[in-house]
Amino acid sequence: MKISITIPDGDAALIAVFLAATKDVTSSSHGPLDMQKLAAMLLEDVALLVRRPGSWEGTTMMAVMASHGYRL
């Protein structure tokens, strides 16, 4: 599925700072990130909370979602 989203300029600038800090990452699950890879990685973890609810990725993402008031 292809999606398109709008990110507020202030948030995009802050996210860009984080993404820049990943440019030299060598030991990670997804390597250096750009906006698209970051979004895909986070959405993969949401899928994992359904597919493998006990996984660390799914458990951690469920904690993030719960902090926003969402429950599975």
Protein backbone atom coordinates (compact mmCIF):
# COMPACT_ATOMS: atom_id res chain seq x y z
CA MET A 1 0.00 0.00 0.00
CA LYS A 2 1.28 3.43 -0.86
CA ILE A 3 0.39 6.35 1.40
CA SER A 4 1.08 10.06 1.49
CA ILE A 5 1.10 12.14 4.67
CA THR A 6 1.67 15.75 5.61
CA ILE A 7 4.04 16.44 8.49
CA PRO A 8 4.04 19.86 10.14
CA ASP A 9 7.19 21.80 9.23
CA GLY A 10 8.36 22.05 12.84
CA ASP A 11 8.03 18.29 13.37
CA ALA A 12 9.72 17.57 10.03
CA ALA A 13 12.69 19.72 11.06
CA LEU A 14 13.02 17.89 14.39
CA ILE A 15 12.70 14.51 12.69
CA ALA A 16 15.40 15.59 10.21
CA VAL A 17 17.76 16.15 13.15
CA PHE A 18 17.12 12.57 14.31
CA LEU A 19 17.51 11.19 10.79
CA ALA A 20 20.82 13.00 10.34
CA ALA A 21 22.08 11.30 13.49
CA THR A 22 21.47 7.90 11.86
CA LYS A 23 23.67 8.54 8.79
CA ASP A 24 26.68 6.70 10.25
CA VAL A 25 24.75 3.88 11.89
CA THR A 26 26.23 0.50 10.98
CA SER A 27 24.74 -1.96 13.48
CA SER A 28 20.98 -1.49 13.30
CA SER A 29 17.98 -3.29 11.91
CA HIS A 30 17.35 -0.83 9.06
CA GLY A 31 20.63 1.05 8.57
CA PRO A 32 20.69 4.80 8.08
CA LEU A 33 17.16 6.17 7.96
CA ASP A 34 15.31 8.62 5.78
CA MET A 35 11.70 9.71 6.31
CA GLN A 36 10.30 6.84 4.22
CA LYS A 37 12.40 4.15 5.91
CA LEU A 38 11.54 5.54 9.35
CA ALA A 39 7.80 5.47 8.61
CA ALA A 40 8.03 1.95 7.17
CA MET A 41 9.98 0.70 10.20
CA LEU A 42 7.45 2.13 12.65
CA LEU A 43 4.53 0.70 10.69
CA GLU A 44 6.27 -2.71 10.58
CA ASP A 45 6.42 -2.61 14.38
CA VAL A 46 2.68 -1.84 14.56
CA ALA A 47 2.09 -4.91 12.38
CA LEU A 48 4.32 -6.94 14.71
CA LEU A 49 2.22 -6.03 17.72
CA VAL A 50 -0.60 -7.94 16.02
CA ARG A 51 1.47 -10.67 14.32
CA ARG A 52 3.80 -11.39 17.26
CA PRO A 53 2.31 -9.73 20.34
CA GLY A 54 5.07 -10.97 22.64
CA SER A 55 7.92 -9.69 20.48
CA TRP A 56 9.99 -6.85 21.87
CA GLU A 57 9.11 -4.71 18.85
CA GLY A 58 5.39 -5.30 19.28
CA THR A 59 5.51 -4.87 23.04
CA THR A 60 7.43 -1.62 22.77
CA MET A 61 5.13 -0.28 20.04
CA MET A 62 2.09 -1.23 22.13
CA ALA A 63 3.52 0.86 24.98
CA VAL A 64 3.84 3.82 22.58
CA MET A 65 0.30 3.31 21.29
CA ALA A 66 -1.08 2.90 24.82
CA SER A 67 0.51 6.19 25.84
CA HIS A 68 -1.71 7.80 23.18
CA GLY A 69 -4.80 5.97 24.48
CA TYR A 70 -4.93 3.11 21.95
CA ARG A 71 -5.50 -0.50 22.95
CA LEU A 72 -5.48 -3.73 20.98
